[in-house]
Amino acid sequence: MRIAVLDREHCKPKDCNYKCFRICPINKTGGEAITIDEASKKPVISEILCTGCGICPKKCPYGAIHIINLPEELENPVHQYGVNGFRLYNIPVPRAGVVGLVGSNGVGKTTALKILAGQIKPNLGKDEAGWDEILEYYRGDEIQEYFQKLSEANVKAVYKPQYVESIPRHVSGSVKDILVKADERGKLQEIIETLNLSHILEREVKVLSGGELQRFAIAACLLRDADIYLIDEPGSYLDVRERMNVAKAIRALGDKRIIVVEHDLVMLDYLSDNIHVFFGEVGAYGIVSNIMGVRNGINEYLSGFLKSENMRFRDQITFDVRPPAETTHTENLIEYDDFSVDLDGFRLGAEAGVIQSPEIIGVLGPNATGKTTFVKVLDGLLESKPKLELDLEVSYKPQYVQPEDVTVMELGLKNELVAAFSLLTLFDRKMSELSGGELQRVAVSKCLSKNADVYLLDEPSAYLDVEQRLALAKLLKRFAYENKKAVIVVDHDVLLIDYLSNKIMVFDGEPAVKCVAHNPKDLRDGMNHFLREIDVTFRRDPETGRPRANKPASVKDREQKETGQYYYR
């Protein structure tokens, strides 16, 4: 079974003069494997006539063509976005409890949520399919009953969108007024306390920060009385404590049907009962795996091999990238005494510390505790008392990336970084045209392309999927130790920080008022300090070595708290 996918955004026939049309062997012999659509002026590839020779994907200068051989047992897709468009095979089946969806960006997770929410009607790979045809196609399948109710408008679905930044364009009023109207379950006060919303109740939605918008959107979703709750990336913009609180609020729905998409594996593991793995080729097609238990599902996703499908979809991801500290020679790069920063009513006090090279320091702490402030002091963007005098070159990737009015090619990125982050196909696009994930990868590459002594990356995992995050961690580890550089990474993904760091800096205190930046500690001591502050214990999975959060008051949770070992037994 062969499919042909055209990335219409990247396809530029005016620039290449329809190179695919001209070089296709079938076309050269008088056939019409590739034709030109008169309306869109884009090529159309016939999946029946295409022989899969692989010439047009290799010769396309913009990487816009994908010819893919799929497993023979796949039948019609659940949904396809037009001719030569992305298609999704299989669909998660809603059931009581929390079902987690994990997979790369661009393989259909959001499409699946929109189908289940009734926002997209599945078309079975055609121009359009009627409900009678859809129900007949899925007769005898577990999903048939759900589609039957969806067709009759007998399913009340609540959907929390992926991009909460757009909410102020569609919703106006105070947080309190909107949540009061949304409260169909009589849980308003409970949700406000769990998600820590008390201090923003009187604010207008339009003035909320990213993290506040996220918690507001989740609260509005969970307050509704629905048959199914569809929650797309609830962890974005939130710190670790807030992510754990969101997980508790979602699980408090009880036996309701809940489906959650999340790239933070620690959070997904913590809140899910079962898992579907999404795999395929980004932007081309996605396949939904059979449902699995949460531990086995995440482990199989990391292994790249699905046992029930007997399917390998990529190489295994392992957790053995940390070099032995005793075999790595380090030198003191920065030695700083105690200092403080006063900024708009906020005070940060930093303990004296040492930053060495090569090493990677992971920075953890709640939002508004001064992590970005500390990074800006090292970069010279803020002045401390006493003033920190650093005779060093610093390269800084800020938390919020402002797109420049230049193409990616004009940034002068290093070739190895272009290859590592798959940026070649973005070269002719301006930064303002990039998606959140694309912009993040370009910004990290730009930071690492500069010649510096210290590299400061503020929340580099934002908008990246699991595989991109772990690829980033491997790249940063290799970059730091091969080039003998110091890298400081501020992030809320505990798995990422655990994966790449050999030291930890913890920030704590009263957010937005008075906080402390503790000196860098070794991984165990630093993680113990941080996890004790948020009252969560972690263990390592015996099969993969990945960190897993213990359920509150579980046997392991109680044992580790009694011994004071919050970070892995």
Protein backbone atom coordinates (compact mmCIF):
# COMPACT_ATOMS: atom_id res chain seq x y z
CA MET A 1 0.00 0.00 0.00
CA ARG A 2 1.57 3.24 -1.14
CA ILE A 3 0.59 6.82 -0.30
CA ALA A 4 1.83 10.06 -1.80
CA VAL A 5 1.83 13.20 0.33
CA LEU A 6 2.49 16.74 -0.84
CA ASP A 7 3.42 19.41 1.71
CA ARG A 8 1.51 22.23 0.04
CA GLU A 9 3.11 24.88 2.25
CA HIS A 10 6.64 23.92 1.19
CA CYS A 11 5.79 23.20 -2.46
CA LYS A 12 6.92 26.16 -4.65
CA PRO A 13 6.29 25.24 -8.31
CA LYS A 14 7.02 28.77 -9.53
CA ASP A 15 10.58 28.47 -8.20
CA CYS A 16 11.33 24.92 -9.36
CA ASN A 17 9.27 24.98 -12.58
CA TYR A 18 7.47 21.74 -11.65
CA LYS A 19 10.63 19.68 -11.37
CA CYS A 20 8.72 16.63 -10.08
CA PHE A 21 6.45 16.71 -13.14
CA ARG A 22 9.41 16.94 -15.51
CA ILE A 23 11.61 14.19 -14.01
CA CYS A 24 8.93 11.56 -13.25
CA PRO A 25 9.79 8.38 -15.28
CA ILE A 26 6.08 7.59 -15.82
CA ASN A 27 5.45 11.09 -17.17
CA LYS A 28 8.48 10.79 -19.49
CA THR A 29 6.95 7.70 -21.08
CA GLY A 30 3.61 9.42 -21.72
CA GLY A 31 1.85 8.52 -18.45
CA GLU A 32 0.32 10.90 -15.93
CA ALA A 33 1.62 9.84 -12.53
CA ILE A 34 2.00 13.56 -11.74
CA THR A 35 -0.44 16.15 -13.08
CA ILE A 36 -0.97 19.84 -12.37
CA ASP A 37 -4.16 21.00 -10.66
CA GLU A 38 -5.51 23.96 -12.62
CA ALA A 39 -7.06 25.66 -9.58
CA SER A 40 -4.19 25.48 -7.09
CA LYS A 41 -1.35 25.23 -9.66
CA LYS A 42 0.15 22.50 -7.43
CA PRO A 43 1.19 19.02 -8.56
CA VAL A 44 -1.12 16.07 -7.92
CA ILE A 45 0.45 12.62 -7.52
CA SER A 46 -1.50 9.51 -8.53
CA GLU A 47 -0.99 6.84 -5.88
CA ILE A 48 -2.19 4.18 -8.36
CA LEU A 49 0.24 5.08 -11.16
CA CYS A 50 3.21 5.98 -8.90
CA THR A 51 5.81 3.16 -8.89
CA GLY A 52 7.57 4.34 -5.74
CA CYS A 53 10.86 4.88 -7.58
CA GLY A 54 11.81 7.58 -5.06
CA ILE A 55 13.13 10.06 -7.65
CA CYS A 56 10.72 12.98 -7.04
CA PRO A 57 11.14 13.02 -3.21
CA LYS A 58 14.94 13.10 -3.63
CA LYS A 59 14.95 15.73 -6.38
CA CYS A 60 12.33 18.08 -4.87
CA PRO A 61 14.42 21.11 -3.77
CA TYR A 62 12.02 21.91 -0.93
CA GLY A 63 11.45 18.42 0.50
CA ALA A 64 7.72 18.77 -0.18
CA ILE A 65 7.06 15.26 -1.55
CA HIS A 66 6.78 12.05 0.48
CA ILE A 67 6.18 8.64 -1.13
CA ILE A 68 5.57 6.08 1.60
CA ASN A 69 4.96 2.35 1.60
CA LEU A 70 2.53 1.49 4.40
CA PRO A 71 1.88 -1.86 6.12
CA GLU A 72 -0.38 -3.98 3.92
CA GLU A 73 -2.91 -4.64 6.71
CA LEU A 74 -3.92 -0.96 6.89
CA GLU A 75 -7.33 -0.29 5.38
CA ASN A 76 -9.07 3.02 4.74
CA PRO A 77 -7.93 5.96 6.85
CA VAL A 78 -10.30 7.38 9.42
CA HIS A 79 -9.72 10.81 7.89
CA GLN A 80 -7.73 12.37 5.07
CA TYR A 81 -7.11 16.07 4.39
CA GLY A 82 -7.78 16.09 0.65
CA VAL A 83 -5.82 14.65 -2.29
CA ASN A 84 -2.18 13.92 -1.38
CA GLY A 85 -2.95 15.21 2.14
CA PHE A 86 -2.24 13.91 5.63
CA ARG A 87 -4.24 10.86 6.66
CA LEU A 88 -4.96 9.24 10.02
CA TYR A 89 -5.36 5.48 10.49
CA ASN A 90 -7.33 4.15 13.47
CA ILE A 91 -8.82 6.23 16.27
CA PRO A 92 -8.52 6.14 20.10
CA VAL A 93 -11.55 4.57 21.76
CA PRO A 94 -13.00 6.63 24.64
CA ARG A 95 -13.38 4.68 27.86
CA ALA A 96 -13.74 5.40 31.57
CA GLY A 97 -10.65 6.92 33.14
CA VAL A 98 -7.76 8.83 31.60
CA VAL A 99 -6.43 7.69 28.23
CA GLY A 100 -3.13 9.35 27.30
CA LEU A 101 -2.00 10.00 23.71
CA VAL A 102 1.74 10.12 23.03
CA GLY A 103 3.63 10.63 19.78
CA SER A 104 5.53 13.12 17.65
CA ASN A 105 4.05 16.42 16.55
CA GLY A 106 2.31 16.15 13.19
CA VAL A 107 1.13 12.53 13.38
CA GLY A 108 -2.55 13.16 14.09
CA LYS A 109 -3.13 13.49 17.84
CA THR A 110 -5.00 16.81 17.58
CA THR A 111 -6.91 15.51 14.54
CA ALA A 112 -8.06 12.52 16.61
CA LEU A 113 -9.26 14.81 19.42
CA LYS A 114 -11.19 16.99 16.97
CA ILE A 115 -12.89 13.92 15.46
CA LEU A 116 -13.93 12.68 18.90
CA ALA A 117 -15.13 16.19 19.82
CA GLY A 118 -17.33 16.31 16.71
CA GLN A 119 -15.38 19.23 15.22
CA ILE A 120 -14.20 17.08 12.29
CA LYS A 121 -16.43 14.50 10.61
CA PRO A 122 -14.36 11.48 9.54
CA ASN A 123 -14.35 10.99 5.77
CA LEU A 124 -12.77 7.50 5.46
CA GLY A 125 -10.22 8.91 3.00
CA LYS A 126 -12.84 10.23 0.58
CA ASP A 127 -14.09 13.69 -0.30
CA GLU A 128 -16.93 13.12 2.16
CA ALA A 129 -18.58 10.20 3.96
CA GLY A 130 -22.12 10.09 5.37
CA TRP A 131 -22.80 8.85 8.88
CA ASP A 132 -24.57 5.75 7.56
CA GLU A 133 -21.43 4.81 5.65
CA ILE A 134 -19.18 5.55 8.65
CA LEU A 135 -21.32 3.47 11.01
CA GLU A 136 -21.46 0.61 8.52
CA TYR A 137 -17.68 0.70 8.10
CA TYR A 138 -17.11 0.47 11.87
CA ARG A 139 -19.88 -2.07 12.51
CA GLY A 140 -18.73 -4.44 15.23
CA ASP A 141 -15.86 -2.20 16.32
CA GLU A 142 -15.70 -0.70 19.80
CA ILE A 143 -15.81 2.83 18.35
CA GLN A 144 -19.14 2.22 16.55
CA GLU A 145 -21.29 3.02 19.59
CA TYR A 146 -19.45 6.30 20.18
CA PHE A 147 -19.78 7.35 16.52
CA GLN A 148 -23.49 6.40 16.67
CA LYS A 149 -24.02 8.82 19.58
CA LEU A 150 -21.87 11.46 17.89
CA SER A 151 -23.98 11.21 14.71
CA GLU A 152 -27.15 11.72 16.77
CA ALA A 153 -25.63 14.68 18.69
CA ASN A 154 -25.97 12.64 21.89
CA VAL A 155 -22.39 13.20 23.04
CA LYS A 156 -21.48 16.26 25.07
CA ALA A 157 -17.76 16.76 24.49
CA VAL A 158 -15.59 19.47 26.06
CA TYR A 159 -12.36 20.29 24.23
CA LYS A 160 -9.41 22.18 25.75
CA PRO A 161 -7.40 23.39 22.74
CA GLN A 162 -3.67 23.06 22.29
CA TYR A 163 -2.93 26.75 21.74
CA VAL A 164 -4.36 28.71 24.68
CA GLU A 165 -2.78 31.92 23.36
CA SER A 166 -5.77 32.36 21.05
CA ILE A 167 -8.36 32.28 23.87
CA PRO A 168 -8.38 36.07 24.53
CA ARG A 169 -9.39 36.64 20.89
CA HIS A 170 -12.58 34.65 21.44
CA VAL A 171 -13.37 35.09 25.14
CA SER A 172 -13.83 38.33 27.07
CA GLY A 173 -14.69 39.13 30.67
CA SER A 174 -13.24 38.40 34.09
CA VAL A 175 -11.90 34.99 35.04
CA LYS A 176 -14.44 34.68 37.86
CA ASP A 177 -17.48 35.54 35.73
CA ILE A 178 -16.53 33.04 33.03
CA LEU A 179 -15.76 30.22 35.48
CA VAL A 180 -19.03 30.81 37.37
CA LYS A 181 -20.94 30.40 34.09
CA ALA A 182 -18.94 27.26 33.22
CA ASP A 183 -19.54 25.58 36.62
CA GLU A 184 -22.04 22.86 35.76
CA ARG A 185 -20.63 20.36 38.28
CA GLY A 186 -20.68 22.55 41.41
CA LYS A 187 -16.89 22.21 41.78
CA LEU A 188 -15.89 25.86 41.37
CA GLN A 189 -14.17 26.40 44.72
CA GLU A 190 -12.41 23.03 44.58
CA ILE A 191 -11.00 23.72 41.11
CA ILE A 192 -9.96 27.26 42.08
CA GLU A 193 -7.97 25.92 45.03
CA THR A 194 -6.42 22.96 43.18
CA LEU A 195 -5.29 25.08 40.23
CA ASN A 196 -4.31 28.10 42.38
CA LEU A 197 -6.58 30.59 40.62
CA SER A 198 -7.68 32.73 43.57
CA HIS A 199 -5.32 35.63 42.84
CA ILE A 200 -6.46 36.04 39.20
CA LEU A 201 -10.25 35.76 39.62
CA GLU A 202 -10.85 39.49 39.17
CA ARG A 203 -8.52 39.84 36.18
CA GLU A 204 -9.70 40.13 32.60
CA VAL A 205 -8.86 37.12 30.43
CA LYS A 206 -7.05 39.38 27.94
CA VAL A 207 -4.32 40.27 30.49
CA LEU A 208 -3.49 36.72 31.64
CA SER A 209 0.00 35.27 31.15
CA GLY A 210 0.57 31.99 29.31
CA GLY A 211 0.53 29.88 32.49
CA GLU A 212 -2.54 31.68 33.84
CA LEU A 213 -4.36 31.20 30.53
CA GLN A 214 -3.53 27.49 30.60
CA ARG A 215 -4.89 26.99 34.13
CA PHE A 216 -7.96 29.10 33.34
CA ALA A 217 -8.67 27.02 30.20
CA ILE A 218 -8.27 23.75 32.10
CA ALA A 219 -10.54 24.99 34.88
CA ALA A 220 -13.24 26.04 32.40
CA CYS A 221 -13.02 22.59 30.78
CA LEU A 222 -13.15 20.58 34.02
CA LEU A 223 -16.07 22.60 35.45
CA ARG A 224 -18.35 21.55 32.58
CA ASP A 225 -20.52 18.44 32.95
CA ALA A 226 -19.68 16.40 29.86
CA ASP A 227 -19.65 12.85 28.53
CA ILE A 228 -16.04 13.15 27.40
CA TYR A 229 -13.19 15.56 28.18
CA LEU A 230 -10.58 16.09 25.45
CA ILE A 231 -7.52 17.93 26.77
CA ASP A 232 -4.73 18.93 24.39
CA GLU A 233 -1.31 19.63 25.97
CA PRO A 234 -2.33 20.82 29.45
CA GLY A 235 1.30 21.10 30.63
CA SER A 236 2.40 23.97 28.35
CA TYR A 237 3.53 27.12 30.25
CA LEU A 238 3.19 25.37 33.63
CA ASP A 239 5.90 24.60 36.18
CA VAL A 240 6.30 21.13 37.71
CA ARG A 241 4.12 21.82 40.76
CA GLU A 242 1.36 23.26 38.56
CA ARG A 243 1.55 20.23 36.25
CA MET A 244 1.10 17.87 39.19
CA ASN A 245 -1.87 19.94 40.41
CA VAL A 246 -3.45 19.81 36.93
CA ALA A 247 -2.98 16.03 36.91
CA LYS A 248 -4.73 15.77 40.28
CA ALA A 249 -7.63 17.94 39.05
CA ILE A 250 -8.05 15.81 35.91
CA ARG A 251 -7.98 12.56 37.88
CA ALA A 252 -10.58 14.00 40.28
CA LEU A 253 -13.13 13.65 37.44
CA GLY A 254 -13.29 9.99 38.46
CA ASP A 255 -14.83 7.54 35.99
CA LYS A 256 -15.56 10.15 33.32
CA ARG A 257 -14.11 9.51 29.85
CA ILE A 258 -10.98 11.65 29.49
CA ILE A 259 -8.40 11.77 26.70
CA VAL A 260 -5.20 13.77 27.19
CA VAL A 261 -2.41 14.69 24.76
CA GLU A 262 0.84 15.58 26.55
CA HIS A 263 4.56 15.64 25.69
CA ASP A 264 5.78 15.67 29.30
CA LEU A 265 6.10 11.93 29.90
CA VAL A 266 6.34 12.36 33.67
CA MET A 267 3.01 14.20 33.75
CA LEU A 268 1.37 11.82 31.25
CA ASP A 269 2.54 8.80 33.26
CA TYR A 270 1.33 10.40 36.49
CA LEU A 271 -2.25 11.03 35.33
CA SER A 272 -3.03 8.29 32.76
CA ASP A 273 -4.59 4.87 33.19
CA ASN A 274 -3.97 3.74 29.59
CA ILE A 275 -1.96 4.88 26.57
CA HIS A 276 -2.30 5.01 22.78
CA VAL A 277 0.95 5.51 20.85
CA PHE A 278 0.76 7.58 17.65
CA PHE A 279 3.43 6.88 15.06
CA GLY A 280 3.98 7.43 11.35
CA GLU A 281 5.67 10.15 9.31
CA VAL A 282 5.33 13.75 10.39
CA GLY A 283 2.92 15.66 8.15
CA ALA A 284 2.25 12.59 6.00
CA TYR A 285 0.32 9.97 7.96
CA GLY A 286 -0.34 8.79 11.50
CA ILE A 287 -1.28 5.39 12.91
CA VAL A 288 -2.93 4.87 16.31
CA SER A 289 -1.72 1.84 18.24
CA ASN A 290 -3.84 -0.56 20.26
CA ILE A 291 -4.54 0.61 23.80
CA MET A 292 -1.96 -0.35 26.45
CA GLY A 293 -1.36 0.09 30.17
CA VAL A 294 0.39 3.37 30.93
CA ARG A 295 3.77 1.92 31.96
CA ASN A 296 4.03 -0.55 29.08
CA GLY A 297 2.69 2.01 26.61
CA ILE A 298 5.30 4.64 27.43
CA ASN A 299 8.07 2.03 27.58
CA GLU A 300 7.12 0.65 24.16
CA TYR A 301 6.98 4.19 22.79
CA LEU A 302 10.52 4.81 24.05
CA SER A 303 11.69 1.43 22.73
CA GLY A 304 10.31 2.26 19.27
CA PHE A 305 8.72 -1.20 19.02
CA LEU A 306 5.02 -2.02 19.53
CA LYS A 307 4.72 -5.64 20.60
CA SER A 308 1.02 -6.19 19.86
CA GLU A 309 1.41 -4.78 16.33
CA ASN A 310 4.88 -6.33 15.85
CA MET A 311 5.87 -2.92 14.49
CA ARG A 312 9.17 -1.06 14.79
CA PHE A 313 8.68 2.64 13.99
CA ARG A 314 12.07 4.07 15.05
CA ASP A 315 15.24 3.31 17.01
CA GLN A 316 15.15 2.88 20.78
CA ILE A 317 15.53 5.89 23.07
CA THR A 318 17.79 5.07 26.02
CA PHE A 319 18.82 6.94 29.16
CA ASP A 320 22.56 6.27 29.13
CA VAL A 321 23.90 9.55 27.72
CA ARG A 322 25.30 10.95 31.00
CA PRO A 323 29.13 10.64 31.01
CA PRO A 324 30.76 9.36 34.23
CA ALA A 325 31.63 12.44 36.27
CA GLU A 326 34.83 10.92 37.60
CA THR A 327 36.28 10.47 34.10
CA THR A 328 35.51 14.02 32.95
CA HIS A 329 38.10 16.71 33.68
CA THR A 330 36.42 20.02 34.55
CA GLU A 331 37.70 23.53 35.20
CA ASN A 332 36.10 26.39 37.14
CA LEU A 333 34.67 28.82 34.60
CA ILE A 334 32.62 31.15 36.83
CA GLU A 335 32.95 31.68 40.58
CA TYR A 336 30.44 34.11 42.03
CA ASP A 337 29.72 35.35 45.56
CA ASP A 338 26.29 35.94 47.07
CA PHE A 339 24.36 38.56 45.12
CA SER A 340 20.84 39.94 44.91
CA VAL A 341 18.56 41.51 42.32
CA ASP A 342 15.62 43.85 43.00
CA LEU A 343 13.15 44.05 40.15
CA ASP A 344 9.69 45.65 40.27
CA GLY A 345 8.93 44.56 43.84
CA PHE A 346 10.59 41.15 43.40
CA ARG A 347 13.84 40.24 45.16
CA LEU A 348 16.12 37.36 44.16
CA GLY A 349 18.94 36.31 46.43
CA ALA A 350 21.59 34.02 44.92
CA GLU A 351 23.91 31.82 46.98
CA ALA A 352 27.60 31.82 46.07
CA GLY A 353 28.40 29.14 43.54
CA VAL A 354 30.69 27.75 40.86
CA ILE A 355 29.96 26.95 37.23
CA GLN A 356 32.45 24.63 35.56
CA SER A 357 33.27 23.60 32.04
CA PRO A 358 32.33 21.24 30.61
CA GLU A 359 29.06 20.67 32.43
CA ILE A 360 25.31 21.04 32.05
CA ILE A 361 23.35 22.62 34.88
CA GLY A 362 19.62 22.01 34.96
CA VAL A 363 17.59 24.77 36.60
CA LEU A 364 14.34 23.84 38.37
CA GLY A 365 11.78 25.83 40.31
CA PRO A 366 8.21 27.16 40.21
CA ASN A 367 7.23 29.97 37.88
CA ALA A 368 8.07 33.51 39.08
CA THR A 369 10.94 32.41 41.36
CA GLY A 370 13.69 34.25 39.44
CA LYS A 371 15.12 31.62 37.09
CA THR A 372 14.98 33.90 34.05
CA THR A 373 16.24 36.81 36.20
CA PHE A 374 19.32 34.77 37.19
CA VAL A 375 20.00 33.86 33.56
CA LYS A 376 19.74 37.53 32.54
CA VAL A 377 22.25 38.54 35.26
CA LEU A 378 24.79 36.08 33.83
CA ASP A 379 24.09 37.44 30.36
CA GLY A 380 24.59 41.03 31.53
CA LEU A 381 21.00 42.02 30.70
CA LEU A 382 20.31 42.78 34.39
CA GLU A 383 22.60 44.25 37.05
CA SER A 384 23.01 42.62 40.46
CA LYS A 385 24.23 43.86 43.87
CA PRO A 386 27.17 43.58 44.07
CA LYS A 387 27.59 43.76 40.33
CA LEU A 388 28.65 40.47 38.77
CA GLU A 389 31.77 41.05 36.67
CA LEU A 390 32.15 38.32 34.07
CA ASP A 391 34.84 38.39 31.41
CA LEU A 392 33.02 35.80 29.33
CA GLU A 393 31.16 35.44 26.08
CA VAL A 394 27.56 34.40 26.75
CA SER A 395 24.99 33.10 24.24
CA TYR A 396 21.39 33.37 25.44
CA LYS A 397 18.20 31.74 24.13
CA PRO A 398 15.34 33.64 25.81
CA GLN A 399 12.15 32.11 27.16
CA TYR A 400 9.96 33.92 24.65
CA VAL A 401 11.51 33.93 21.18
CA GLN A 402 10.83 37.04 19.11
CA PRO A 403 10.94 36.14 15.40
CA GLU A 404 13.32 38.25 13.33
CA ASP A 405 12.41 39.56 9.88
CA VAL A 406 14.96 37.29 8.18
CA THR A 407 14.96 33.85 6.61
CA VAL A 408 16.38 30.89 8.47
CA MET A 409 19.21 30.71 5.91
CA GLU A 410 20.33 34.25 6.83
CA LEU A 411 20.95 33.29 10.47
CA GLY A 412 24.22 31.51 9.63
CA LEU A 413 23.48 28.33 11.58
CA LYS A 414 26.15 25.64 11.93
CA ASN A 415 25.72 22.74 9.51
CA GLU A 416 25.73 20.05 12.23
CA LEU A 417 22.89 21.87 14.04
CA VAL A 418 20.90 22.24 10.81
CA ALA A 419 21.17 18.49 10.31
CA ALA A 420 20.44 17.61 13.95
CA PHE A 421 17.25 19.71 14.04
CA SER A 422 16.14 18.99 10.43
CA LEU A 423 16.12 22.68 9.51
CA LEU A 424 17.18 22.51 5.85
CA THR A 425 13.59 22.56 4.56
CA LEU A 426 12.98 25.78 6.55
CA PHE A 427 15.87 27.74 5.01
CA ASP A 428 13.78 29.81 2.60
CA ARG A 429 11.12 30.71 5.19
CA LYS A 430 11.12 33.78 7.39
CA MET A 431 11.20 33.24 11.15
CA SER A 432 7.82 34.97 11.46
CA GLU A 433 6.31 32.20 9.30
CA LEU A 434 7.47 29.33 11.52
CA SER A 435 5.34 27.30 13.90
CA GLY A 436 6.10 27.28 17.62
CA GLY A 437 8.15 24.07 17.44
CA GLU A 438 10.03 25.17 14.32
CA LEU A 439 10.84 28.55 15.86
CA GLN A 440 12.10 26.87 19.04
CA ARG A 441 14.44 24.55 17.13
CA VAL A 442 15.80 27.47 15.09
CA ALA A 443 16.29 29.60 18.24
CA VAL A 444 18.22 26.84 20.02
CA SER A 445 20.37 26.29 16.93
CA LYS A 446 21.05 30.02 16.67
CA CYS A 447 22.14 30.12 20.33
CA LEU A 448 24.50 27.14 19.93
CA SER A 449 25.90 28.45 16.63
CA LYS A 450 27.50 31.42 18.38
CA ASN A 451 31.05 31.20 19.76
CA ALA A 452 30.68 31.57 23.54
CA ASP A 453 31.91 30.26 26.89
CA VAL A 454 28.48 29.81 28.47
CA TYR A 455 25.22 28.90 26.73
CA LEU A 456 21.99 29.83 28.53
CA LEU A 457 18.80 28.20 27.26
CA ASP A 458 15.53 29.31 28.83
CA GLU A 459 12.74 26.71 28.36
CA PRO A 460 14.10 25.12 25.17
CA SER A 461 11.55 22.27 25.31
CA ALA A 462 8.51 24.53 24.75
CA TYR A 463 6.46 23.36 21.73
CA LEU A 464 8.75 20.34 21.18
CA ASP A 465 7.41 16.78 21.22
CA VAL A 466 8.94 13.95 23.25
CA GLU A 467 11.35 12.76 20.57
CA GLN A 468 12.49 16.32 19.81
CA ARG A 469 13.08 16.95 23.52
CA LEU A 470 15.19 13.84 23.96
CA ALA A 471 17.09 14.59 20.73
CA LEU A 472 17.73 18.08 22.14
CA ALA A 473 19.08 16.58 25.36
CA LYS A 474 21.48 14.29 23.49
CA LEU A 475 22.66 17.15 21.30
CA LEU A 476 23.26 19.48 24.29
CA LYS A 477 25.18 16.77 26.13
CA ARG A 478 27.40 16.09 23.12
CA PHE A 479 27.81 19.81 22.42
CA ALA A 480 28.91 20.64 25.98
CA TYR A 481 31.44 17.83 26.38
CA GLU A 482 32.92 17.83 22.88
CA ASN A 483 33.39 21.62 22.90
CA LYS A 484 34.21 21.90 26.63
CA LYS A 485 31.45 24.43 27.29
CA ALA A 486 29.12 25.21 30.17
CA VAL A 487 25.41 24.91 29.33
CA ILE A 488 22.65 26.12 31.66
CA VAL A 489 19.14 24.88 30.90
CA VAL A 490 15.99 26.27 32.53
CA ASP A 491 13.05 23.94 31.97
CA HIS A 492 9.97 22.42 33.65
CA ASP A 493 10.28 18.97 32.04
CA VAL A 494 11.81 16.85 34.81
CA LEU A 495 12.55 14.00 32.41
CA LEU A 496 14.53 16.35 30.15
CA ILE A 497 16.45 17.86 33.08
CA ASP A 498 17.20 14.40 34.48
CA TYR A 499 18.29 13.19 31.04
CA LEU A 500 20.87 15.89 30.36
CA SER A 501 22.05 17.44 33.65
CA ASN A 502 25.01 16.58 35.82
CA LYS A 503 24.20 19.38 38.30
CA ILE A 504 20.96 21.00 39.48
CA MET A 505 20.15 24.55 40.62
CA VAL A 506 16.95 24.89 42.63
CA PHE A 507 14.96 28.12 42.93
CA ASP A 508 12.38 28.42 45.71
CA GLY A 509 10.65 30.94 47.95
CA GLU A 510 7.53 33.09 47.57
CA PRO A 511 6.88 33.46 43.82
CA ALA A 512 6.94 37.02 42.48
CA VAL A 513 7.95 38.34 45.93
CA LYS A 514 11.16 36.93 47.43
CA CYS A 515 13.09 33.86 46.24
CA VAL A 516 16.47 32.16 46.55
CA ALA A 517 18.72 30.71 43.85
CA HIS A 518 20.58 27.89 45.57
CA ASN A 519 24.09 27.01 44.46
CA PRO A 520 24.54 24.18 41.90
CA LYS A 521 24.46 20.73 43.52
CA ASP A 522 25.08 17.25 42.20
CA LEU A 523 22.13 15.59 40.51
CA ARG A 524 20.90 13.52 43.47
CA ASP A 525 21.11 16.30 46.08
CA GLY A 526 19.62 18.89 43.73
CA MET A 527 16.70 16.70 42.69
CA ASN A 528 16.05 15.66 46.30
CA HIS A 529 15.91 19.34 47.29
CA PHE A 530 13.52 20.22 44.45
CA LEU A 531 11.17 17.24 44.85
CA ARG A 532 10.96 17.78 48.61
CA GLU A 533 9.78 21.34 47.91
CA ILE A 534 6.95 20.17 45.64
CA ASP A 535 6.20 17.09 47.80
CA VAL A 536 6.50 14.52 45.00
CA THR A 537 8.68 11.39 45.01
CA PHE A 538 10.24 9.79 41.94
CA ARG A 539 11.45 6.29 41.15
CA ARG A 540 13.23 4.91 38.10
CA ASP A 541 11.52 2.52 35.75
CA PRO A 542 13.52 -0.75 35.89
CA GLU A 543 13.12 -1.38 32.15
CA THR A 544 14.01 2.01 30.64
CA GLY A 545 15.60 3.94 33.53
CA ARG A 546 13.20 6.85 32.99
CA PRO A 547 11.94 8.84 36.00
CA ARG A 548 8.39 8.10 37.14
CA ALA A 549 6.39 10.08 39.69
CA ASN A 550 4.92 7.97 42.48
CA LYS A 551 1.19 8.25 43.08
CA PRO A 552 0.46 10.30 46.26
CA ALA A 553 0.30 8.18 49.44
CA SER A 554 1.30 5.01 47.52
CA VAL A 555 3.57 2.48 49.25
CA LYS A 556 6.65 3.73 47.38
CA ASP A 557 5.72 7.35 48.01
CA ARG A 558 5.45 6.77 51.78
CA GLU A 559 8.65 4.70 51.90
CA GLN A 560 10.74 7.28 50.07
CA LYS A 561 9.40 10.18 52.14
CA GLU A 562 10.19 8.31 55.37
CA THR A 563 13.82 7.86 54.28
CA GLY A 564 14.09 11.38 52.83
CA GLN A 565 14.95 9.99 49.38
CA TYR A 566 12.53 11.80 47.10
CA TYR A 567 14.73 11.15 44.06
CA TYR A 568 14.73 7.44 43.11
CA ARG A 569 15.28 4.54 45.47
